[in-house]
Every structure is written in C-alpha cells, then in structure tokens.
Amino acid sequence: MEESKPGQILWHDLTVDNAEEVSNFYNGVLGWEKEGLSMGDYDDFVIKSSKDGDVVAGVCHARGGNKDIPPQWLMYVKVVNLDSSLAKCVKLGGKVLGEKRKMGEAYYGLIQDPAGAYMMLCE
C-alpha cells in the first residue's frame, strides 16, 4: 500500500445518534454494506462497497469521544505535525474543537474553518 502524503484525504465518516438506522438508510439508498466494529459496549460500522466489498467509509454513534462530533460527513486529512496544524488553524481564524484524540498509533483533531465547515486533521 502506498504511504499517504500530507494533504491527502485518508478517510470519511459520519457520526450520528443512531448509527444503526443511518447505516441502514445508506444501504437502501446506495447499496452500501456494513460490518460492525466493536467499540466495547456497542458497534460502530465500517461501510463497504456492495460491488467489490472495498471499505469506503464509516458510520459511528455519537457516544464517548465522538459525542461532540457534528452529524455531517467528515473527511480526515493527513498533516505532518498535528500540534502545528491545530495552532495554525486558530491563528488563521478557525477553531479547534475538543482535545486531540488517539486511535491506534494515529492522533487526530477536529477543526472548524472560518466559514463553519468541519474537518478532522490526522498525524
């Protein structure tokens, strides 16, 4: 697999109150299949293309560390240095929402640009 580059979109997901219902909606509209991903007490969902089974996105419950993520499709973009990028976001008129997060070996942070759009930055 080719290594990701700074500025590259790494992932898309949607965080909502009822990931089960919403993932079923996208199954009906787009034919996307879902596979449970254990979060301990509940499952979020990895979404797969119905054509080839490739993983295309995620649908997550707005619980735990995800409780304050807005209910919109959110893209995750690679950065070289997360702390530096978060500081630049604020300096340029954006907002950093919540604390840095960690999943596996990756760190990421939710930002909002001056127009109000959200994006997750990943290191």
Protein backbone atom coordinates (compact mmCIF):
# COMPACT_ATOMS: atom_id res chain seq x y z
CA MET A 1 0.00 0.00 0.00
CA GLU A 2 1.30 3.44 -0.92
CA GLU A 3 2.14 5.71 2.01
CA SER A 4 -0.23 8.65 2.46
CA LYS A 5 1.05 12.18 1.85
CA PRO A 6 0.35 15.43 3.72
CA GLY A 7 -2.87 16.97 2.46
CA GLN A 8 -4.26 13.62 1.33
CA ILE A 9 -7.79 12.63 2.34
CA LEU A 10 -7.43 9.46 4.38
CA TRP A 11 -10.97 8.62 5.45
CA HIS A 12 -14.61 9.72 5.57
CA ASP A 13 -17.11 9.00 8.27
CA LEU A 14 -20.38 10.15 9.70
CA THR A 15 -21.12 10.39 13.43
CA VAL A 16 -24.80 10.35 14.40
CA ASP A 17 -27.05 9.48 17.34
CA ASN A 18 -28.27 6.25 15.70
CA ALA A 19 -25.58 4.71 13.50
CA GLU A 20 -27.63 1.52 13.04
CA GLU A 21 -30.57 3.38 11.50
CA VAL A 22 -28.45 5.71 9.38
CA SER A 23 -26.22 2.92 8.06
CA ASN A 24 -29.41 1.07 7.04
CA PHE A 25 -30.53 4.24 5.22
CA TYR A 26 -27.32 4.30 3.17
CA ASN A 27 -27.67 0.59 2.47
CA GLY A 28 -31.09 1.31 0.95
CA VAL A 29 -30.04 4.42 -0.97
CA LEU A 30 -26.56 3.36 -2.14
CA GLY A 31 -26.38 -0.38 -1.57
CA TRP A 32 -23.54 0.05 0.91
CA GLU A 33 -22.99 -2.97 3.14
CA LYS A 34 -21.99 -2.57 6.77
CA GLU A 35 -19.83 -4.53 9.13
CA GLY A 36 -19.86 -3.98 12.88
CA LEU A 37 -16.74 -2.59 14.52
CA SER A 38 -16.74 -3.17 18.28
CA MET A 39 -16.33 -0.09 20.40
CA GLY A 40 -16.70 -2.10 23.62
CA ASP A 41 -20.33 -1.65 24.67
CA TYR A 42 -21.67 -1.05 21.15
CA ASP A 43 -20.76 -1.34 17.47
CA ASP A 44 -19.92 1.41 15.04
CA PHE A 45 -19.91 0.41 11.37
CA VAL A 46 -17.36 0.05 8.62
CA ILE A 47 -19.13 0.68 5.32
CA LYS A 48 -18.26 -1.40 2.26
CA SER A 49 -19.00 -1.07 -1.43
CA SER A 50 -21.64 -3.59 -2.49
CA LYS A 51 -19.82 -4.08 -5.79
CA ASP A 52 -16.38 -5.20 -4.57
CA GLY A 53 -16.51 -5.15 -0.76
CA ASP A 54 -13.90 -2.37 -0.52
CA VAL A 55 -14.15 -0.30 2.66
CA VAL A 56 -15.37 3.18 1.68
CA ALA A 57 -16.35 4.95 4.91
CA GLY A 58 -17.59 4.63 8.46
CA VAL A 59 -20.82 5.39 10.31
CA CYS A 60 -20.32 5.96 14.03
CA HIS A 61 -22.50 6.54 17.08
CA ALA A 62 -22.21 9.95 18.74
CA ARG A 63 -21.01 8.43 22.02
CA GLY A 64 -17.91 8.57 24.17
CA GLY A 65 -15.12 10.53 22.49
CA ASN A 66 -17.40 11.08 19.47
CA LYS A 67 -20.31 12.66 21.36
CA ASP A 68 -19.50 16.22 20.23
CA ILE A 69 -18.73 15.49 16.56
CA PRO A 70 -21.28 17.19 14.28
CA PRO A 71 -23.66 14.94 12.28
CA GLN A 72 -22.14 15.50 8.85
CA TRP A 73 -19.85 13.56 6.54
CA LEU A 74 -16.40 14.36 7.87
CA MET A 75 -13.17 13.91 5.95
CA TYR A 76 -9.88 13.10 7.65
CA VAL A 77 -6.81 14.77 6.13
CA LYS A 78 -3.17 13.91 6.81
CA VAL A 79 -0.86 16.53 8.30
CA VAL A 80 2.84 16.32 9.14
CA ASN A 81 2.55 17.84 12.62
CA LEU A 82 -0.87 17.89 14.27
CA ASP A 83 0.01 20.38 17.02
CA SER A 84 1.42 22.83 14.49
CA SER A 85 -1.59 22.46 12.19
CA LEU A 86 -4.03 22.99 15.07
CA ALA A 87 -2.16 26.15 16.13
CA LYS A 88 -2.21 27.45 12.53
CA CYS A 89 -5.95 26.77 12.35
CA VAL A 90 -6.59 29.07 15.31
CA LYS A 91 -4.13 31.70 14.06
CA LEU A 92 -5.93 31.82 10.71
CA GLY A 93 -9.39 32.29 12.24
CA GLY A 94 -10.56 28.70 12.69
CA LYS A 95 -11.45 26.76 15.80
CA VAL A 96 -10.11 23.58 17.37
CA LEU A 97 -12.99 21.61 18.86
CA GLY A 98 -12.25 19.34 21.79
CA GLU A 99 -8.99 17.68 22.67
CA LYS A 100 -6.58 15.75 20.48
CA ARG A 101 -7.77 12.20 20.01
CA LYS A 102 -5.89 8.95 19.57
CA MET A 103 -6.87 5.79 17.70
CA GLY A 104 -4.22 3.12 17.40
CA GLU A 105 -0.98 4.95 16.63
CA ALA A 106 -2.70 7.95 14.97
CA TYR A 107 -3.51 11.29 16.57
CA TYR A 108 -6.23 13.50 15.18
CA GLY A 109 -8.10 16.71 15.95
CA LEU A 110 -11.39 18.26 14.87
CA ILE A 111 -11.25 21.76 13.40
CA GLN A 112 -13.79 24.24 12.09
CA ASP A 113 -12.77 26.67 9.39
CA PRO A 114 -13.81 30.37 9.39
CA ALA A 115 -16.83 29.53 7.19
CA GLY A 116 -18.08 26.93 9.71
CA ALA A 117 -17.10 23.70 7.89
CA TYR A 118 -15.57 20.84 9.87
CA MET A 119 -12.58 18.62 9.10
CA MET A 120 -10.52 16.11 11.07
CA LEU A 121 -6.72 16.52 10.83
CA CYS A 122 -4.64 13.36 11.28
CA GLU A 123 -0.99 12.81 12.11
